[in-house]
Amino acid sequence: MPRRKALIIGINYFGSKHQLNGCINDAMNIRNFLIQDRGFSPAPHDMVLLTDEPQNRGTPFFPTGANIMAAFHWLVTGNNPGDSVWLSYSGHGGQVKDPDGDRDSGLDDTICPVDFESQGQIDSDTLHRAIVSPMIREARLTVLFDCCHSGSAIELPYVYRPNSQGEVNLIDNVKQGINLAEGAMNLLRGGFSSKKIQDAKVLIGGAKTFFAGLQHRPEQPVNQDGLGEENFIEPWKQEGKDVWMFSGCADHQTSADTTIAGASTGAMSHVFLQTMRANPRQSYIQVLQNTRVALANKYKQIPQLSVGGLYNLNQPVAF
């Protein structure tokens, strides 16, 4: 029988000037979701949880850089064909100087272990070599990173764009569609007139056009209508790993730490779980679009979908 494994990391950086409030809650919420909604086993040999809660200090479950790297090794080795592997990280993300010269920004994305101030951050090249490269092609890895500067955090070779050149910013369409729909409602407040109704129809029609433009067109080749190639000096495209990553924001953006229903949480983690629970059979593109729409009204961050190969983005999310 195919096996399911999960590594869940949440770091609040207690007592430091970098303290966050919602990352451990994210980890616990994801753990519950995987067990209750996706059938993962909570047994220690199937699921590992790293948090900086005081009781974990001095144990392998305290998220130091060394412990995180050891947990990555456990997660991605010893897998068999058909296995489903999950990785999530909620904490600080950063950027460091790109040593390869293959990033337009000149920076590589990073994650920040609890001891990053003394031991350093873990950069995207290291993350790819530790997480993606050891995976067998016949097992699927699903990744959720809720941190700043996370779009290319594990350097997957393809990223979803509305067209192959990335000429249209999808989230701008979402926001513009929302604004047009809101404009129509505002216009009709305070009384109706034939001119108001006509103007509202124009606004609503424009909103429908924008939202219709979000649909991924399956009749076109996927690499011409969605998956744009990233440029890395390493031969990541040749690995062909079955890896799918949802990240909380683009490389240049920050990811929100917020409060929902009185509990601290990461905005992306909350919206992702909410989206998946609303319809567990959504495609990868639908999950991305729905998380983007849910975040668009309150936050500037733009969730991303990166992929290890040229796969069908309209297949249901599977993990």
C-alpha atoms as a PDB file:
ATOM      1  CA  MET A   1       0.000   0.000   0.000  1.00  0.00           C
ATOM      2  CA  PRO A   2       1.296   3.521  -0.779  1.00  0.00           C
ATOM      3  CA  ARG A   3       2.549   5.312   2.285  1.00  0.00           C
ATOM      4  CA  ARG A   4       1.866   8.856   3.456  1.00  0.00           C
ATOM      5  CA  LYS A   5       4.524  10.851   5.279  1.00  0.00           C
ATOM      6  CA  ALA A   6       4.385  14.409   6.578  1.00  0.00           C
ATOM      7  CA  LEU A   7       6.842  16.922   7.970  1.00  0.00           C
ATOM      8  CA  ILE A   8       5.243  20.013   9.519  1.00  0.00           C
ATOM      9  CA  ILE A   9       7.342  22.960  10.741  1.00  0.00           C
ATOM     10  CA  GLY A  10       6.105  26.003  12.689  1.00  0.00           C
ATOM     11  CA  ILE A  11       8.415  28.565  14.278  1.00  0.00           C
ATOM     12  CA  ASN A  12       7.316  31.512  16.445  1.00  0.00           C
ATOM     13  CA  TYR A  13      10.856  32.631  17.466  1.00  0.00           C
ATOM     14  CA  PHE A  14       9.783  33.082  21.094  1.00  0.00           C
ATOM     15  CA  GLY A  15      11.563  35.829  23.013  1.00  0.00           C
ATOM     16  CA  SER A  16      13.387  37.240  19.995  1.00  0.00           C
ATOM     17  CA  LYS A  17      12.939  40.549  18.202  1.00  0.00           C
ATOM     18  CA  HIS A  18      11.660  38.499  15.255  1.00  0.00           C
ATOM     19  CA  GLN A  19       8.811  36.844  17.200  1.00  0.00           C
ATOM     20  CA  LEU A  20       5.737  35.732  15.273  1.00  0.00           C
ATOM     21  CA  ASN A  21       2.442  34.638  16.784  1.00  0.00           C
ATOM     22  CA  GLY A  22       0.683  32.278  14.398  1.00  0.00           C
ATOM     23  CA  CYS A  23       3.211  29.802  13.045  1.00  0.00           C
ATOM     24  CA  ILE A  24       2.808  27.075  15.653  1.00  0.00           C
ATOM     25  CA  ASN A  25      -0.961  27.420  15.305  1.00  0.00           C
ATOM     26  CA  ASP A  26      -0.470  26.943  11.547  1.00  0.00           C
ATOM     27  CA  ALA A  27       1.464  23.748  12.211  1.00  0.00           C
ATOM     28  CA  MET A  28      -1.228  22.390  14.524  1.00  0.00           C
ATOM     29  CA  ASN A  29      -4.020  23.315  12.110  1.00  0.00           C
ATOM     30  CA  ILE A  30      -2.217  21.612   9.229  1.00  0.00           C
ATOM     31  CA  ARG A  31      -1.575  18.536  11.349  1.00  0.00           C
ATOM     32  CA  ASN A  32      -5.279  18.279  12.179  1.00  0.00           C
ATOM     33  CA  PHE A  33      -6.235  18.820   8.537  1.00  0.00           C
ATOM     34  CA  LEU A  34      -3.911  16.085   7.282  1.00  0.00           C
ATOM     35  CA  ILE A  35      -5.200  13.602   9.869  1.00  0.00           C
ATOM     36  CA  GLN A  36      -8.904  14.442   9.787  1.00  0.00           C
ATOM     37  CA  ASP A  37      -9.409  15.415   6.138  1.00  0.00           C
ATOM     38  CA  ARG A  38      -6.676  13.606   4.206  1.00  0.00           C
ATOM     39  CA  GLY A  39      -6.233  10.362   6.124  1.00  0.00           C
ATOM     40  CA  PHE A  40      -2.616  10.822   7.253  1.00  0.00           C
ATOM     41  CA  SER A  41      -1.450   8.797  10.233  1.00  0.00           C
ATOM     42  CA  PRO A  42      -0.226  10.726  13.311  1.00  0.00           C
ATOM     43  CA  ALA A  43       2.154   7.896  14.191  1.00  0.00           C
ATOM     44  CA  PRO A  44       5.722   9.169  14.806  1.00  0.00           C
ATOM     45  CA  HIS A  45       7.121   7.129  11.913  1.00  0.00           C
ATOM     46  CA  ASP A  46       4.604   8.764   9.536  1.00  0.00           C
ATOM     47  CA  MET A  47       4.330  12.343  10.789  1.00  0.00           C
ATOM     48  CA  VAL A  48       6.969  14.623  12.329  1.00  0.00           C
ATOM     49  CA  LEU A  49       6.161  18.008  13.862  1.00  0.00           C
ATOM     50  CA  LEU A  50       8.921  20.552  14.530  1.00  0.00           C
ATOM     51  CA  THR A  51       8.019  23.617  16.622  1.00  0.00           C
ATOM     52  CA  ASP A  52       9.900  25.901  18.988  1.00  0.00           C
ATOM     53  CA  GLU A  53       7.589  25.255  21.906  1.00  0.00           C
ATOM     54  CA  PRO A  54       9.646  25.226  25.140  1.00  0.00           C
ATOM     55  CA  GLN A  55       9.140  21.499  25.727  1.00  0.00           C
ATOM     56  CA  ASN A  56      10.876  20.743  22.410  1.00  0.00           C
ATOM     57  CA  ARG A  57      14.089  22.569  23.275  1.00  0.00           C
ATOM     58  CA  GLY A  58      17.035  20.181  23.277  1.00  0.00           C
ATOM     59  CA  THR A  59      15.147  17.525  21.327  1.00  0.00           C
ATOM     60  CA  PRO A  60      15.192  16.582  17.610  1.00  0.00           C
ATOM     61  CA  PHE A  61      11.802  18.322  17.322  1.00  0.00           C
ATOM     62  CA  PHE A  62      13.183  21.811  18.049  1.00  0.00           C
ATOM     63  CA  PRO A  63      13.506  23.511  14.611  1.00  0.00           C
ATOM     64  CA  THR A  64      17.193  24.371  14.530  1.00  0.00           C
ATOM     65  CA  GLY A  65      18.880  24.361  11.149  1.00  0.00           C
ATOM     66  CA  ALA A  66      20.506  21.012  11.877  1.00  0.00           C
ATOM     67  CA  ASN A  67      17.241  19.414  13.014  1.00  0.00           C
ATOM     68  CA  ILE A  68      15.346  20.774  10.003  1.00  0.00           C
ATOM     69  CA  MET A  69      17.935  19.359   7.596  1.00  0.00           C
ATOM     70  CA  ALA A  70      17.784  15.983   9.377  1.00  0.00           C
ATOM     71  CA  ALA A  71      13.979  16.035   9.139  1.00  0.00           C
ATOM     72  CA  PHE A  72      14.178  16.788   5.404  1.00  0.00           C
ATOM     73  CA  HIS A  73      16.394  13.733   4.988  1.00  0.00           C
ATOM     74  CA  TRP A  74      13.858  11.556   6.833  1.00  0.00           C
ATOM     75  CA  LEU A  75      10.990  12.912   4.732  1.00  0.00           C
ATOM     76  CA  VAL A  76      12.392  12.393   1.243  1.00  0.00           C
ATOM     77  CA  THR A  77      14.383   9.174   1.571  1.00  0.00           C
ATOM     78  CA  GLY A  78      13.093   5.614   1.754  1.00  0.00           C
ATOM     79  CA  ASN A  79       9.983   6.407  -0.263  1.00  0.00           C
ATOM     80  CA  ASN A  80       8.372   3.944  -2.657  1.00  0.00           C
ATOM     81  CA  PRO A  81       6.397   4.408  -5.894  1.00  0.00           C
ATOM     82  CA  GLY A  82       2.932   5.789  -5.186  1.00  0.00           C
ATOM     83  CA  ASP A  83       3.860   7.360  -1.845  1.00  0.00           C
ATOM     84  CA  SER A  84       2.394  10.763  -0.968  1.00  0.00           C
ATOM     85  CA  VAL A  85       4.725  13.091   0.908  1.00  0.00           C
ATOM     86  CA  TRP A  86       3.786  16.399   2.561  1.00  0.00           C
ATOM     87  CA  LEU A  87       6.000  19.267   3.714  1.00  0.00           C
ATOM     88  CA  SER A  88       4.827  22.531   5.251  1.00  0.00           C
ATOM     89  CA  TYR A  89       6.776  25.401   6.753  1.00  0.00           C
ATOM     90  CA  SER A  90       5.406  28.419   8.600  1.00  0.00           C
ATOM     91  CA  GLY A  91       7.939  30.929   9.861  1.00  0.00           C
ATOM     92  CA  HIS A  92      10.221  33.667   8.637  1.00  0.00           C
ATOM     93  CA  GLY A  93      11.515  33.704   5.088  1.00  0.00           C
ATOM     94  CA  GLY A  94      14.333  35.901   3.870  1.00  0.00           C
ATOM     95  CA  GLN A  95      16.703  36.499   0.999  1.00  0.00           C
ATOM     96  CA  VAL A  96      20.468  36.305   0.591  1.00  0.00           C
ATOM     97  CA  LYS A  97      22.821  37.223  -2.237  1.00  0.00           C
ATOM     98  CA  ASP A  98      22.527  34.833  -5.174  1.00  0.00           C
ATOM     99  CA  PRO A  99      25.944  33.217  -5.740  1.00  0.00           C
ATOM    100  CA  ASP A 100      25.027  31.793  -9.172  1.00  0.00           C
ATOM    101  CA  GLY A 101      23.871  34.933 -10.937  1.00  0.00           C
ATOM    102  CA  ASP A 102      20.737  33.176 -12.261  1.00  0.00           C
ATOM    103  CA  ARG A 103      18.136  35.249 -10.395  1.00  0.00           C
ATOM    104  CA  ASP A 104      17.060  38.561 -11.908  1.00  0.00           C
ATOM    105  CA  SER A 105      16.773  40.088  -8.452  1.00  0.00           C
ATOM    106  CA  GLY A 106      20.291  38.969  -7.488  1.00  0.00           C
ATOM    107  CA  LEU A 107      18.802  37.246  -4.440  1.00  0.00           C
ATOM    108  CA  ASP A 108      17.980  33.678  -3.403  1.00  0.00           C
ATOM    109  CA  ASP A 109      15.001  32.935  -1.151  1.00  0.00           C
ATOM    110  CA  THR A 110      15.623  31.414   2.277  1.00  0.00           C
ATOM    111  CA  ILE A 111      13.870  29.984   5.303  1.00  0.00           C
ATOM    112  CA  CYS A 112      14.938  30.905   8.827  1.00  0.00           C
ATOM    113  CA  PRO A 113      15.437  28.144  11.423  1.00  0.00           C
ATOM    114  CA  VAL A 114      14.965  29.134  15.045  1.00  0.00           C
ATOM    115  CA  ASP A 115      18.765  29.575  15.372  1.00  0.00           C
ATOM    116  CA  PHE A 116      19.238  31.466  12.086  1.00  0.00           C
ATOM    117  CA  GLU A 117      20.872  34.473  13.761  1.00  0.00           C
ATOM    118  CA  SER A 118      23.793  32.343  14.915  1.00  0.00           C
ATOM    119  CA  GLN A 119      23.772  29.484  12.395  1.00  0.00           C
ATOM    120  CA  GLY A 120      22.477  31.192   9.257  1.00  0.00           C
ATOM    121  CA  GLN A 121      19.501  30.802   6.957  1.00  0.00           C
ATOM    122  CA  ILE A 122      18.844  27.890   4.600  1.00  0.00           C
ATOM    123  CA  ASP A 123      18.925  29.124   1.009  1.00  0.00           C
ATOM    124  CA  SER A 124      16.802  27.939  -1.906  1.00  0.00           C
ATOM    125  CA  ASP A 125      19.585  25.998  -3.618  1.00  0.00           C
ATOM    126  CA  THR A 126      20.264  24.052  -0.413  1.00  0.00           C
ATOM    127  CA  LEU A 127      16.529  23.463   0.032  1.00  0.00           C
ATOM    128  CA  HIS A 128      16.186  22.050  -3.484  1.00  0.00           C
ATOM    129  CA  ARG A 129      19.131  19.700  -3.056  1.00  0.00           C
ATOM    130  CA  ALA A 130      17.818  18.536   0.331  1.00  0.00           C
ATOM    131  CA  ILE A 131      14.107  18.243  -0.512  1.00  0.00           C
ATOM    132  CA  VAL A 132      13.546  17.826  -4.254  1.00  0.00           C
ATOM    133  CA  SER A 133      16.623  16.090  -5.659  1.00  0.00           C
ATOM    134  CA  PRO A 134      16.449  12.999  -3.380  1.00  0.00           C
ATOM    135  CA  MET A 135      12.767  12.322  -4.175  1.00  0.00           C
ATOM    136  CA  ILE A 136      12.056   9.356  -6.419  1.00  0.00           C
ATOM    137  CA  ARG A 137      10.077  10.292  -9.530  1.00  0.00           C
ATOM    138  CA  GLU A 138       7.261   7.859  -8.732  1.00  0.00           C
ATOM    139  CA  ALA A 139       6.309   9.515  -5.404  1.00  0.00           C
ATOM    140  CA  ARG A 140       4.527  12.867  -5.088  1.00  0.00           C
ATOM    141  CA  LEU A 141       5.667  15.667  -2.793  1.00  0.00           C
ATOM    142  CA  THR A 142       3.265  18.496  -1.913  1.00  0.00           C
ATOM    143  CA  VAL A 143       4.755  21.594  -0.277  1.00  0.00           C
ATOM    144  CA  LEU A 144       3.103  24.540   1.484  1.00  0.00           C
ATOM    145  CA  PHE A 145       5.370  27.428   2.482  1.00  0.00           C
ATOM    146  CA  ASP A 146       3.763  30.277   4.429  1.00  0.00           C
ATOM    147  CA  CYS A 147       6.617  32.726   4.724  1.00  0.00           C
ATOM    148  CA  CYS A 148       7.982  35.867   3.123  1.00  0.00           C
ATOM    149  CA  HIS A 149       9.887  35.692  -0.186  1.00  0.00           C
ATOM    150  CA  SER A 150       8.720  32.128  -0.787  1.00  0.00           C
ATOM    151  CA  GLY A 151       7.882  32.019  -4.499  1.00  0.00           C
ATOM    152  CA  SER A 152      11.135  30.272  -5.476  1.00  0.00           C
ATOM    153  CA  ALA A 153      12.021  28.914  -2.056  1.00  0.00           C
ATOM    154  CA  ILE A 154      12.813  25.391  -3.278  1.00  0.00           C
ATOM    155  CA  GLU A 155      13.745  26.340  -6.856  1.00  0.00           C
ATOM    156  CA  LEU A 156      11.183  24.335  -8.790  1.00  0.00           C
ATOM    157  CA  PRO A 157      11.765  24.713 -12.539  1.00  0.00           C
ATOM    158  CA  TYR A 158       8.228  25.762 -13.544  1.00  0.00           C
ATOM    159  CA  VAL A 159       5.850  28.330 -12.096  1.00  0.00           C
ATOM    160  CA  TYR A 160       2.206  28.897 -13.018  1.00  0.00           C
ATOM    161  CA  ARG A 161       1.598  32.057 -14.997  1.00  0.00           C
ATOM    162  CA  PRO A 162      -1.474  33.146 -16.956  1.00  0.00           C
ATOM    163  CA  ASN A 163       0.591  32.857 -20.126  1.00  0.00           C
ATOM    164  CA  SER A 164       4.020  31.556 -20.958  1.00  0.00           C
ATOM    165  CA  GLN A 165       5.562  35.042 -20.942  1.00  0.00           C
ATOM    166  CA  GLY A 166       3.945  36.101 -17.676  1.00  0.00           C
ATOM    167  CA  GLU A 167       2.681  39.248 -19.394  1.00  0.00           C
ATOM    168  CA  VAL A 168      -0.575  39.357 -17.423  1.00  0.00           C
ATOM    169  CA  ASN A 169      -0.552  39.577 -13.661  1.00  0.00           C
ATOM    170  CA  LEU A 170      -3.360  37.233 -12.650  1.00  0.00           C
ATOM    171  CA  ILE A 171      -3.969  38.849  -9.276  1.00  0.00           C
ATOM    172  CA  ASP A 172      -4.505  42.229 -10.954  1.00  0.00           C
ATOM    173  CA  ASN A 173      -7.353  40.622 -12.890  1.00  0.00           C
ATOM    174  CA  VAL A 174      -8.789  39.250  -9.662  1.00  0.00           C
ATOM    175  CA  LYS A 175      -8.629  42.606  -7.915  1.00  0.00           C
ATOM    176  CA  GLN A 176      -9.972  44.464 -10.924  1.00  0.00           C
ATOM    177  CA  GLY A 177     -12.854  42.012 -11.254  1.00  0.00           C
ATOM    178  CA  ILE A 178     -13.675  42.437  -7.572  1.00  0.00           C
ATOM    179  CA  ASN A 179     -13.484  46.228  -7.880  1.00  0.00           C
ATOM    180  CA  LEU A 180     -15.784  46.231 -10.913  1.00  0.00           C
ATOM    181  CA  ALA A 181     -18.362  44.089  -9.131  1.00  0.00           C
ATOM    182  CA  GLU A 182     -18.171  46.292  -6.035  1.00  0.00           C
ATOM    183  CA  GLY A 183     -18.481  49.376  -8.240  1.00  0.00           C
ATOM    184  CA  ALA A 184     -21.714  48.042  -9.696  1.00  0.00           C
ATOM    185  CA  MET A 185     -23.172  47.465  -6.224  1.00  0.00           C
ATOM    186  CA  ASN A 186     -22.122  50.915  -5.011  1.00  0.00           C
ATOM    187  CA  LEU A 187     -23.633  52.498  -8.096  1.00  0.00           C
ATOM    188  CA  LEU A 188     -27.044  50.987  -7.391  1.00  0.00           C
ATOM    189  CA  ARG A 189     -27.122  52.036  -3.743  1.00  0.00           C
ATOM    190  CA  GLY A 190     -29.379  54.978  -3.042  1.00  0.00           C
ATOM    191  CA  GLY A 191     -31.911  54.362  -5.787  1.00  0.00           C
ATOM    192  CA  PHE A 192     -32.234  53.035  -9.319  1.00  0.00           C
ATOM    193  CA  SER A 193     -32.347  54.779 -12.664  1.00  0.00           C
ATOM    194  CA  SER A 194     -32.097  53.529 -16.220  1.00  0.00           C
ATOM    195  CA  LYS A 195     -28.638  55.081 -16.562  1.00  0.00           C
ATOM    196  CA  LYS A 196     -27.442  53.548 -13.298  1.00  0.00           C
ATOM    197  CA  ILE A 197     -28.725  50.123 -14.311  1.00  0.00           C
ATOM    198  CA  GLN A 198     -27.020  50.378 -17.703  1.00  0.00           C
ATOM    199  CA  ASP A 199     -23.753  51.485 -16.127  1.00  0.00           C
ATOM    200  CA  ALA A 200     -23.989  48.666 -13.577  1.00  0.00           C
ATOM    201  CA  LYS A 201     -24.499  46.131 -16.379  1.00  0.00           C
ATOM    202  CA  VAL A 202     -21.299  47.368 -18.015  1.00  0.00           C
ATOM    203  CA  LEU A 203     -19.381  47.024 -14.745  1.00  0.00           C
ATOM    204  CA  ILE A 204     -20.764  43.559 -14.015  1.00  0.00           C
ATOM    205  CA  GLY A 205     -20.036  42.450 -17.575  1.00  0.00           C
ATOM    206  CA  GLY A 206     -16.463  43.632 -17.158  1.00  0.00           C
ATOM    207  CA  ALA A 207     -16.160  41.728 -13.901  1.00  0.00           C
ATOM    208  CA  LYS A 208     -17.429  38.528 -15.554  1.00  0.00           C
ATOM    209  CA  THR A 209     -14.884  38.959 -18.343  1.00  0.00           C
ATOM    210  CA  PHE A 210     -12.050  39.299 -15.844  1.00  0.00           C
ATOM    211  CA  PHE A 211     -13.084  36.259 -13.827  1.00  0.00           C
ATOM    212  CA  ALA A 212     -13.604  34.210 -16.986  1.00  0.00           C
ATOM    213  CA  GLY A 213     -10.019  35.063 -17.872  1.00  0.00           C
ATOM    214  CA  LEU A 214      -8.842  33.181 -14.780  1.00  0.00           C
ATOM    215  CA  GLN A 215      -9.788  29.839 -16.292  1.00  0.00           C
ATOM    216  CA  HIS A 216      -6.903  27.685 -17.429  1.00  0.00           C
ATOM    217  CA  ARG A 217      -7.514  26.696 -21.081  1.00  0.00           C
ATOM    218  CA  PRO A 218      -6.816  22.942 -21.339  1.00  0.00           C
ATOM    219  CA  GLU A 219      -6.969  22.833 -25.136  1.00  0.00           C
ATOM    220  CA  GLN A 220      -3.661  24.698 -25.346  1.00  0.00           C
ATOM    221  CA  PRO A 221      -0.301  23.073 -24.509  1.00  0.00           C
ATOM    222  CA  VAL A 222       0.327  23.470 -20.813  1.00  0.00           C
ATOM    223  CA  ASN A 223       3.788  24.953 -21.310  1.00  0.00           C
ATOM    224  CA  GLN A 224       2.237  27.648 -23.520  1.00  0.00           C
ATOM    225  CA  ASP A 225      -0.651  28.441 -21.216  1.00  0.00           C
ATOM    226  CA  GLY A 226       0.329  28.331 -17.624  1.00  0.00           C
ATOM    227  CA  LEU A 227       3.705  26.817 -16.823  1.00  0.00           C
ATOM    228  CA  GLY A 228       6.502  29.274 -17.404  1.00  0.00           C
ATOM    229  CA  GLU A 229      10.095  28.156 -17.104  1.00  0.00           C
ATOM    230  CA  GLU A 230      12.236  29.484 -14.291  1.00  0.00           C
ATOM    231  CA  ASN A 231      15.898  30.133 -15.037  1.00  0.00           C
ATOM    232  CA  PHE A 232      18.283  28.295 -12.760  1.00  0.00           C
ATOM    233  CA  ILE A 233      21.906  27.516 -13.535  1.00  0.00           C
ATOM    234  CA  GLU A 234      21.346  24.015 -12.139  1.00  0.00           C
ATOM    235  CA  PRO A 235      19.656  21.388 -14.377  1.00  0.00           C
ATOM    236  CA  TRP A 236      16.495  21.209 -12.267  1.00  0.00           C
ATOM    237  CA  LYS A 237      14.208  20.771 -15.302  1.00  0.00           C
ATOM    238  CA  GLN A 238      15.915  17.493 -16.161  1.00  0.00           C
ATOM    239  CA  GLU A 239      15.069  15.935 -12.787  1.00  0.00           C
ATOM    240  CA  GLY A 240      11.360  15.607 -13.599  1.00  0.00           C
ATOM    241  CA  LYS A 241      10.294  15.274  -9.965  1.00  0.00           C
ATOM    242  CA  ASP A 242       6.598  15.078  -9.066  1.00  0.00           C
ATOM    243  CA  VAL A 243       6.700  18.059  -6.725  1.00  0.00           C
ATOM    244  CA  TRP A 244       3.980  20.704  -6.269  1.00  0.00           C
ATOM    245  CA  MET A 245       4.497  23.788  -4.136  1.00  0.00           C
ATOM    246  CA  PHE A 246       1.958  26.343  -2.952  1.00  0.00           C
ATOM    247  CA  SER A 247       3.723  29.386  -1.534  1.00  0.00           C
ATOM    248  CA  GLY A 248       2.257  32.314   0.340  1.00  0.00           C
ATOM    249  CA  CYS A 249       3.652  35.061  -1.843  1.00  0.00           C
ATOM    250  CA  ALA A 250       5.957  36.002  -4.699  1.00  0.00           C
ATOM    251  CA  ASP A 251       9.706  36.287  -4.174  1.00  0.00           C
ATOM    252  CA  HIS A 252       9.599  40.053  -3.602  1.00  0.00           C
ATOM    253  CA  GLN A 253       6.648  40.006  -1.199  1.00  0.00           C
ATOM    254  CA  THR A 254       5.987  39.476   2.492  1.00  0.00           C
ATOM    255  CA  SER A 255       3.495  37.026   3.949  1.00  0.00           C
ATOM    256  CA  ALA A 256       0.923  38.167   6.520  1.00  0.00           C
ATOM    257  CA  ASP A 257       0.735  36.978  10.127  1.00  0.00           C
ATOM    258  CA  THR A 258      -2.869  37.672  11.113  1.00  0.00           C
ATOM    259  CA  THR A 259      -5.654  36.880  13.594  1.00  0.00           C
ATOM    260  CA  ILE A 260      -8.756  34.932  12.556  1.00  0.00           C
ATOM    261  CA  ALA A 261     -11.524  34.017  15.004  1.00  0.00           C
ATOM    262  CA  GLY A 262      -9.342  35.200  17.867  1.00  0.00           C
ATOM    263  CA  ALA A 263      -6.404  32.922  17.024  1.00  0.00           C
ATOM    264  CA  SER A 264      -3.111  33.945  15.428  1.00  0.00           C
ATOM    265  CA  THR A 265      -2.415  32.299  12.091  1.00  0.00           C
ATOM    266  CA  GLY A 266      -0.679  32.797   8.782  1.00  0.00           C
ATOM    267  CA  ALA A 267      -3.060  34.207   6.192  1.00  0.00           C
ATOM    268  CA  MET A 268      -1.941  31.753   3.498  1.00  0.00           C
ATOM    269  CA  SER A 269      -2.146  28.699   5.762  1.00  0.00           C
ATOM    270  CA  HIS A 270      -5.645  29.620   6.887  1.00  0.00           C
ATOM    271  CA  VAL A 271      -6.936  30.325   3.380  1.00  0.00           C
ATOM    272  CA  PHE A 272      -5.328  27.196   1.911  1.00  0.00           C
ATOM    273  CA  LEU A 273      -6.978  24.935   4.491  1.00  0.00           C
ATOM    274  CA  GLN A 274     -10.275  26.769   4.100  1.00  0.00           C
ATOM    275  CA  THR A 275     -10.101  26.354   0.318  1.00  0.00           C
ATOM    276  CA  MET A 276      -9.239  22.659   0.476  1.00  0.00           C
ATOM    277  CA  ARG A 277     -12.010  21.898   2.949  1.00  0.00           C
ATOM    278  CA  ALA A 278     -14.568  23.717   0.798  1.00  0.00           C
ATOM    279  CA  ASN A 279     -13.912  21.317  -2.081  1.00  0.00           C
ATOM    280  CA  PRO A 280     -11.320  18.537  -1.650  1.00  0.00           C
ATOM    281  CA  ARG A 281     -11.502  17.615  -5.358  1.00  0.00           C
ATOM    282  CA  GLN A 282     -10.343  20.934  -6.795  1.00  0.00           C
ATOM    283  CA  SER A 283      -7.593  21.011  -9.381  1.00  0.00           C
ATOM    284  CA  TYR A 284      -4.233  22.598  -8.650  1.00  0.00           C
ATOM    285  CA  ILE A 285      -5.179  25.657 -10.690  1.00  0.00           C
ATOM    286  CA  GLN A 286      -8.518  26.004  -8.913  1.00  0.00           C
ATOM    287  CA  VAL A 287      -6.881  25.872  -5.483  1.00  0.00           C
ATOM    288  CA  LEU A 288      -4.396  28.536  -6.537  1.00  0.00           C
ATOM    289  CA  GLN A 289      -7.075  30.783  -8.000  1.00  0.00           C
ATOM    290  CA  ASN A 290      -9.367  30.381  -5.019  1.00  0.00           C
ATOM    291  CA  THR A 291      -6.628  31.172  -2.510  1.00  0.00           C
ATOM    292  CA  ARG A 292      -5.691  34.222  -4.564  1.00  0.00           C
ATOM    293  CA  VAL A 293      -9.272  35.483  -4.629  1.00  0.00           C
ATOM    294  CA  ALA A 294      -9.695  34.874  -0.878  1.00  0.00           C
ATOM    295  CA  LEU A 295      -6.531  36.820  -0.057  1.00  0.00           C
ATOM    296  CA  ALA A 296      -7.026  39.609  -2.599  1.00  0.00           C
ATOM    297  CA  ASN A 297      -9.364  41.810  -0.574  1.00  0.00           C
ATOM    298  CA  LYS A 298      -7.254  42.021   2.605  1.00  0.00           C
ATOM    299  CA  TYR A 299      -3.642  41.290   1.691  1.00  0.00           C
ATOM    300  CA  LYS A 300      -1.122  42.307  -0.936  1.00  0.00           C
ATOM    301  CA  GLN A 301       0.575  38.912  -1.102  1.00  0.00           C
ATOM    302  CA  ILE A 302       0.033  36.817  -4.240  1.00  0.00           C
ATOM    303  CA  PRO A 303       0.107  33.031  -3.682  1.00  0.00           C
ATOM    304  CA  GLN A 304       2.180  31.067  -6.174  1.00  0.00           C
ATOM    305  CA  LEU A 305       2.118  27.546  -7.621  1.00  0.00           C
ATOM    306  CA  SER A 306       5.453  26.021  -8.658  1.00  0.00           C
ATOM    307  CA  VAL A 307       5.902  22.563 -10.176  1.00  0.00           C
ATOM    308  CA  GLY A 308       8.755  20.123 -10.696  1.00  0.00           C
ATOM    309  CA  GLY A 309       7.767  19.221 -14.270  1.00  0.00           C
ATOM    310  CA  LEU A 310       5.388  19.897 -17.143  1.00  0.00           C
ATOM    311  CA  TYR A 311       2.343  18.266 -15.575  1.00  0.00           C
ATOM    312  CA  ASN A 312      -1.395  18.648 -16.139  1.00  0.00           C
ATOM    313  CA  LEU A 313      -2.429  21.507 -13.854  1.00  0.00           C
ATOM    314  CA  ASN A 314      -6.115  20.601 -14.148  1.00  0.00           C
ATOM    315  CA  GLN A 315      -5.752  17.279 -12.315  1.00  0.00           C
ATOM    316  CA  PRO A 316      -7.247  17.138  -8.791  1.00  0.00           C
ATOM    317  CA  VAL A 317      -4.924  17.978  -5.935  1.00  0.00           C
ATOM    318  CA  ALA A 318      -3.609  14.686  -4.583  1.00  0.00           C
ATOM    319  CA  PHE A 319      -1.776  14.150  -1.304  1.00  0.00           C
END
